[in-house]
Amino acid sequence: MSQEGKRMKWDNDTGTIILTVGSKEERAFLISHDFIEEFRKEFINTAGESTFKMIMRKLLEKLGKKTGDDVEANWDSFEKFSDEQILPVSSDGLNIPKEYKPWDGKTRNLILLPDIAMTLWTVSSFQSFKEVLNDVMTEKGANALINSAGKKGGIAIANKFAKFLGWNDWAKAVASVNEIADKLAPITGWGKGSAASQKGKDGKEMMLLKINHSYEAHGKKSVIPICTFTSSQLNGLWNSLAETLGGQAAEAREVKCTAKGDAYCGFAIKIKDKDAPHFDWKELTPEWEAIA
């Protein structure tokens, strides 16, 4: 992309971030730096360094950046490509949400107050990353890896995001779960929606987050839910919160997805006792449908 005339706008009505270069619009989003770092480490530990380098090489080539003497097949090269794709952003008309520290548009790093480091990415480059993963590892293998690494990433950011949302006890976290969909998601470009919770017959909470304009499902069609990064991050985040605030555990699952024609992307989060076996999500369908 050209280095001239780049503008960025937060759309509060849809919970999206739009990057404009000339007459072309591209969707962007923010994700925690700590999540990315933990995800990357777990990815390499699970898949191996050589597989990770091969994926980086294929990703850069897919994005039009051939690897060679001056471009190495690694994460840093992907970061540099993303810098070129997004930066610099003009400060004219920049409506950055008040939840962030002032930003000059010269770096992809923003600070969500008080101290959460966030990084800007384009949705197209992120979707290319997932497509390369599917090609190299098959969709099943890629999803398994994303779920494992994403959960670790979600655990890594849980405490900071709980602090941002003012969740200092379990009751408050459950009662204000709507703030994830209505407050946090929109300012990070993840979409916008609502959430609800109620206790099931077992006395444990079931929560359902409904997200419209999900960045993961943007422009995609599928026969199965595809928002694996979001669901795995929620899985890790709520597992950590359930343990630290309530002495419990949690599982998260995407149960609806706009990519498969649903009206919204829906993420069910079910609380359980620590060390309890994995849920049969078919059996839990009536529970999350009751609050849909």
Protein backbone atom coordinates (compact mmCIF):
# COMPACT_ATOMS: atom_id res chain seq x y z
CA MET A 1 0.00 0.00 0.00
CA SER A 2 1.05 3.59 -0.59
CA GLN A 3 2.60 5.48 2.26
CA GLU A 4 0.45 8.54 1.44
CA GLY A 5 -3.09 9.41 2.48
CA LYS A 6 -3.71 6.67 5.03
CA ARG A 7 -6.61 7.35 7.35
CA MET A 8 -8.23 5.33 10.11
CA LYS A 9 -11.68 5.56 11.61
CA TRP A 10 -13.34 3.82 14.54
CA ASP A 11 -17.01 3.15 13.72
CA ASN A 12 -18.81 3.06 17.08
CA ASP A 13 -22.09 1.85 15.57
CA THR A 14 -20.63 -1.34 14.11
CA GLY A 15 -17.56 -1.85 16.32
CA THR A 16 -15.22 -1.79 13.33
CA ILE A 17 -11.97 -0.01 12.47
CA ILE A 18 -11.63 1.11 8.85
CA LEU A 19 -8.26 1.84 7.24
CA THR A 20 -8.59 3.97 4.10
CA VAL A 21 -5.81 4.31 1.53
CA GLY A 22 -6.89 6.56 -1.32
CA SER A 23 -10.25 5.18 -2.44
CA LYS A 24 -9.66 1.71 -0.97
CA GLU A 25 -11.03 0.67 2.40
CA GLU A 26 -9.62 -2.14 4.50
CA ARG A 27 -10.80 -3.41 7.84
CA ALA A 28 -8.37 -3.42 10.78
CA PHE A 29 -8.48 -4.63 14.38
CA LEU A 30 -6.43 -4.51 17.57
CA ILE A 31 -5.20 -7.47 19.59
CA SER A 32 -3.20 -7.62 22.80
CA HIS A 33 0.58 -7.72 22.39
CA ASP A 34 0.78 -10.20 25.29
CA PHE A 35 -1.72 -12.47 23.54
CA ILE A 36 0.30 -12.43 20.31
CA GLU A 37 3.56 -13.18 22.11
CA GLU A 38 2.10 -16.07 24.11
CA PHE A 39 0.32 -17.40 21.02
CA ARG A 40 3.53 -17.28 18.98
CA LYS A 41 5.56 -19.08 21.66
CA GLU A 42 2.96 -21.82 22.06
CA PHE A 43 2.65 -22.13 18.29
CA ILE A 44 6.39 -22.75 17.90
CA ASN A 45 6.46 -25.15 20.88
CA THR A 46 3.63 -27.19 19.37
CA ALA A 47 4.33 -27.08 15.62
CA GLY A 48 8.12 -26.74 15.74
CA GLU A 49 10.47 -24.03 14.49
CA SER A 50 10.82 -25.45 10.96
CA THR A 51 7.04 -25.65 10.43
CA PHE A 52 6.63 -22.13 11.78
CA LYS A 53 9.26 -20.79 9.34
CA MET A 54 7.59 -22.61 6.44
CA ILE A 55 4.24 -21.05 7.38
CA MET A 56 5.84 -17.61 7.60
CA ARG A 57 7.45 -18.06 4.17
CA LYS A 58 4.17 -19.13 2.57
CA LEU A 59 2.31 -16.31 4.31
CA LEU A 60 4.73 -13.62 3.11
CA GLU A 61 4.59 -15.01 -0.43
CA LYS A 62 0.77 -15.00 -0.29
CA LEU A 63 0.93 -11.35 0.76
CA GLY A 64 3.22 -10.55 -2.18
CA LYS A 65 6.46 -10.35 -0.17
CA LYS A 66 9.00 -12.83 -1.56
CA THR A 67 11.52 -14.13 0.93
CA GLY A 68 15.20 -14.11 0.15
CA ASP A 69 18.45 -12.45 1.18
CA ASP A 70 16.76 -9.24 2.34
CA VAL A 71 13.49 -10.74 3.66
CA GLU A 72 13.69 -13.62 6.13
CA ALA A 73 10.82 -16.06 6.67
CA ASN A 74 10.02 -15.10 10.24
CA TRP A 75 7.55 -13.22 12.40
CA ASP A 76 9.59 -10.00 12.30
CA SER A 77 9.17 -9.88 8.51
CA PHE A 78 5.41 -10.24 8.95
CA GLU A 79 5.49 -7.39 11.44
CA LYS A 80 7.45 -5.21 8.98
CA PHE A 81 4.99 -6.02 6.20
CA SER A 82 2.14 -4.98 8.49
CA ASP A 83 3.94 -1.72 9.30
CA GLU A 84 4.18 -0.95 5.58
CA GLN A 85 0.56 -1.93 5.04
CA ILE A 86 -0.88 0.31 7.77
CA LEU A 87 1.55 3.13 8.53
CA PRO A 88 1.75 6.05 8.75
CA VAL A 89 -1.84 6.98 9.61
CA SER A 90 -2.86 10.63 9.26
CA SER A 91 -3.90 12.36 12.46
CA ASP A 92 -6.55 14.35 10.55
CA GLY A 93 -10.01 13.27 11.67
CA LEU A 94 -8.59 10.45 13.80
CA ASN A 95 -11.36 9.55 16.25
CA ILE A 96 -9.42 7.23 18.54
CA PRO A 97 -11.58 6.10 21.48
CA LYS A 98 -10.97 7.79 24.83
CA GLU A 99 -10.01 4.43 26.36
CA TYR A 100 -6.62 4.69 24.61
CA LYS A 101 -3.63 6.89 25.28
CA PRO A 102 -3.07 9.59 22.61
CA TRP A 103 -1.70 8.03 19.40
CA ASP A 104 0.26 9.73 16.61
CA GLY A 105 -0.39 7.13 13.88
CA LYS A 106 3.33 6.39 13.40
CA THR A 107 3.33 3.00 15.10
CA ARG A 108 0.92 0.06 15.16
CA ASN A 109 1.17 -0.05 18.95
CA LEU A 110 -1.53 1.58 21.06
CA ILE A 111 -2.04 1.56 24.84
CA LEU A 112 -5.46 0.68 26.18
CA LEU A 113 -5.61 2.48 29.50
CA PRO A 114 -4.08 2.04 31.91
CA ASP A 115 -1.40 -0.32 30.60
CA ILE A 116 -2.59 -2.87 28.01
CA ALA A 117 -0.33 -2.88 24.93
CA MET A 118 -2.39 -3.45 21.79
CA THR A 119 -1.23 -3.95 18.18
CA LEU A 120 -3.01 -3.05 14.93
CA TRP A 121 -3.43 -5.63 12.15
CA THR A 122 -5.43 -5.70 8.95
CA VAL A 123 -8.15 -8.32 8.74
CA SER A 124 -6.92 -9.39 5.29
CA SER A 125 -3.40 -10.27 6.53
CA PHE A 126 -4.85 -12.09 9.52
CA GLN A 127 -7.21 -14.09 7.31
CA SER A 128 -4.29 -14.91 5.01
CA PHE A 129 -2.43 -16.29 8.04
CA LYS A 130 -5.35 -18.61 8.83
CA GLU A 131 -5.63 -19.70 5.18
CA VAL A 132 -1.94 -20.64 5.07
CA LEU A 133 -2.33 -22.58 8.32
CA ASN A 134 -5.22 -24.53 6.79
CA ASP A 135 -3.18 -25.28 3.64
CA VAL A 136 -0.14 -26.49 5.56
CA MET A 137 -1.79 -28.30 8.47
CA THR A 138 -5.34 -29.03 7.17
CA GLU A 139 -8.28 -27.15 8.67
CA LYS A 140 -8.62 -29.64 11.52
CA GLY A 141 -4.95 -29.44 12.44
CA ALA A 142 -4.90 -25.65 12.16
CA ASN A 143 -7.96 -25.28 14.38
CA ALA A 144 -6.45 -27.61 17.01
CA LEU A 145 -3.26 -25.54 17.06
CA ILE A 146 -5.14 -22.23 17.22
CA ASN A 147 -7.33 -23.53 20.04
CA SER A 148 -4.30 -24.63 22.07
CA ALA A 149 -2.16 -21.54 21.45
CA GLY A 150 -5.12 -19.16 21.67
CA LYS A 151 -6.13 -20.52 25.05
CA LYS A 152 -2.62 -19.88 26.37
CA GLY A 153 -2.83 -16.36 24.98
CA GLY A 154 -6.20 -15.78 26.63
CA ILE A 155 -4.84 -16.89 29.99
CA ALA A 156 -1.92 -14.46 29.58
CA ILE A 157 -4.19 -11.42 29.23
CA ALA A 158 -6.98 -12.29 31.69
CA ASN A 159 -5.83 -10.26 34.68
CA LYS A 160 -5.18 -7.06 32.71
CA PHE A 161 -8.54 -7.17 30.95
CA ALA A 162 -10.34 -7.95 34.20
CA LYS A 163 -8.70 -4.83 35.66
CA PHE A 164 -9.73 -2.78 32.61
CA LEU A 165 -13.35 -3.92 33.01
CA GLY A 166 -13.30 -3.44 36.79
CA TRP A 167 -13.89 -7.11 37.55
CA ASN A 168 -12.51 -7.72 41.04
CA ASP A 169 -14.84 -10.55 42.06
CA TRP A 170 -16.69 -13.39 40.37
CA ALA A 171 -20.20 -12.04 40.82
CA LYS A 172 -19.27 -8.76 39.16
CA ALA A 173 -17.58 -10.51 36.24
CA VAL A 174 -20.67 -12.61 35.48
CA ALA A 175 -23.10 -9.75 36.06
CA SER A 176 -21.24 -7.43 33.68
CA VAL A 177 -20.23 -9.93 30.96
CA ASN A 178 -22.11 -7.71 28.49
CA GLU A 179 -19.21 -5.23 28.72
CA ILE A 180 -17.04 -7.55 26.60
CA ALA A 181 -19.45 -7.36 23.68
CA ASP A 182 -20.69 -3.81 24.20
CA LYS A 183 -17.57 -2.02 25.48
CA LEU A 184 -14.36 -3.94 24.78
CA ALA A 185 -15.09 -5.49 21.37
CA PRO A 186 -16.12 -2.20 19.64
CA ILE A 187 -13.02 -0.22 20.62
CA THR A 188 -10.73 -3.02 19.41
CA GLY A 189 -12.51 -3.48 16.08
CA TRP A 190 -13.80 -6.95 16.95
CA GLY A 191 -17.44 -6.01 16.26
CA LYS A 192 -20.28 -5.09 18.58
CA GLY A 193 -23.05 -6.96 20.30
CA SER A 194 -24.49 -8.03 23.60
CA ALA A 195 -24.22 -10.78 26.18
CA ALA A 196 -26.37 -12.52 28.75
CA SER A 197 -25.96 -15.17 31.44
CA GLN A 198 -28.03 -17.45 33.61
CA LYS A 199 -27.44 -20.49 35.77
CA GLY A 200 -28.16 -23.93 34.40
CA LYS A 201 -29.70 -26.89 36.19
CA ASP A 202 -26.27 -27.68 37.62
CA GLY A 203 -26.13 -24.26 39.28
CA LYS A 204 -23.23 -23.14 37.06
CA GLU A 205 -23.39 -20.08 34.82
CA MET A 206 -23.90 -20.25 31.08
CA MET A 207 -22.96 -17.06 29.22
CA LEU A 208 -23.60 -16.17 25.59
CA LEU A 209 -21.76 -13.40 23.75
CA LYS A 210 -23.39 -12.24 20.51
CA ILE A 211 -21.07 -10.34 18.19
CA ASN A 212 -22.16 -8.56 15.02
CA HIS A 213 -19.52 -7.69 12.40
CA SER A 214 -16.97 -10.16 13.79
CA TYR A 215 -13.56 -9.44 12.28
CA GLU A 216 -12.80 -13.17 11.91
CA ALA A 217 -15.94 -13.91 9.89
CA HIS A 218 -15.69 -10.72 7.81
CA GLY A 219 -16.40 -11.53 4.15
CA LYS A 220 -16.15 -15.28 4.75
CA LYS A 221 -18.47 -18.23 4.01
CA SER A 222 -18.23 -21.62 5.69
CA VAL A 223 -20.31 -24.62 6.69
CA ILE A 224 -18.87 -24.51 10.22
CA PRO A 225 -18.09 -21.69 12.70
CA ILE A 226 -14.69 -20.16 11.90
CA CYS A 227 -13.95 -17.62 14.67
CA THR A 228 -11.33 -19.86 16.27
CA PHE A 229 -9.08 -17.06 17.53
CA THR A 230 -11.97 -15.39 19.33
CA SER A 231 -13.33 -18.59 20.86
CA SER A 232 -9.89 -19.83 21.96
CA GLN A 233 -9.05 -16.46 23.51
CA LEU A 234 -12.37 -16.45 25.38
CA ASN A 235 -11.66 -20.02 26.49
CA GLY A 236 -8.33 -19.03 28.04
CA LEU A 237 -9.57 -15.74 29.45
CA TRP A 238 -12.62 -17.22 31.18
CA ASN A 239 -10.70 -20.26 32.42
CA SER A 240 -8.26 -17.92 34.12
CA LEU A 241 -11.00 -15.66 35.54
CA ALA A 242 -13.08 -18.62 36.71
CA GLU A 243 -10.08 -20.00 38.59
CA THR A 244 -8.74 -16.77 40.10
CA LEU A 245 -12.10 -15.21 40.99
CA GLY A 246 -14.29 -18.24 41.58
CA GLY A 247 -12.12 -21.32 42.09
CA GLN A 248 -13.73 -22.92 39.03
CA ALA A 249 -13.02 -23.66 35.34
CA ALA A 250 -14.71 -22.83 32.04
CA GLU A 251 -15.14 -23.91 28.43
CA ALA A 252 -15.96 -21.66 25.49
CA ARG A 253 -17.38 -22.68 22.11
CA GLU A 254 -18.55 -20.75 19.06
CA VAL A 255 -22.13 -21.89 18.51
CA LYS A 256 -23.23 -19.45 15.79
CA CYS A 257 -21.26 -17.75 13.01
CA THR A 258 -22.18 -15.24 10.33
CA ALA A 259 -19.82 -17.07 7.95
CA LYS A 260 -22.31 -19.95 7.90
CA GLY A 261 -25.32 -17.67 7.51
CA ASP A 262 -26.25 -17.02 11.14
CA ALA A 263 -27.43 -13.57 12.21
CA TYR A 264 -24.43 -13.11 14.54
CA CYS A 265 -21.35 -14.88 15.83
CA GLY A 266 -22.27 -16.46 19.16
CA PHE A 267 -19.83 -17.67 21.81
CA ALA A 268 -21.15 -19.83 24.63
CA ILE A 269 -19.12 -19.95 27.85
CA LYS A 270 -20.03 -22.57 30.43
CA ILE A 271 -18.62 -22.63 33.95
CA LYS A 272 -17.74 -25.96 35.60
CA ASP A 273 -15.88 -27.39 38.56
CA LYS A 274 -12.11 -27.54 38.35
CA ASP A 275 -10.84 -30.80 36.82
CA ALA A 276 -14.34 -31.65 35.52
CA PRO A 277 -14.37 -33.53 32.16
CA HIS A 278 -15.00 -31.74 28.86
CA PHE A 279 -18.60 -30.91 28.07
CA ASP A 280 -20.76 -32.61 25.47
CA TRP A 281 -21.82 -29.39 23.74
CA LYS A 282 -24.79 -31.02 22.05
CA GLU A 283 -26.26 -31.59 25.50
CA LEU A 284 -25.65 -27.93 26.37
CA THR A 285 -27.52 -26.60 23.31
CA PRO A 286 -30.84 -26.00 25.14
CA GLU A 287 -28.96 -24.11 27.86
CA TRP A 288 -27.35 -21.51 25.60
CA GLU A 289 -30.39 -21.33 23.34
CA ALA A 290 -32.44 -20.28 26.35
CA ILE A 291 -30.52 -17.00 26.52
CA ALA A 292 -29.98 -16.51 22.77
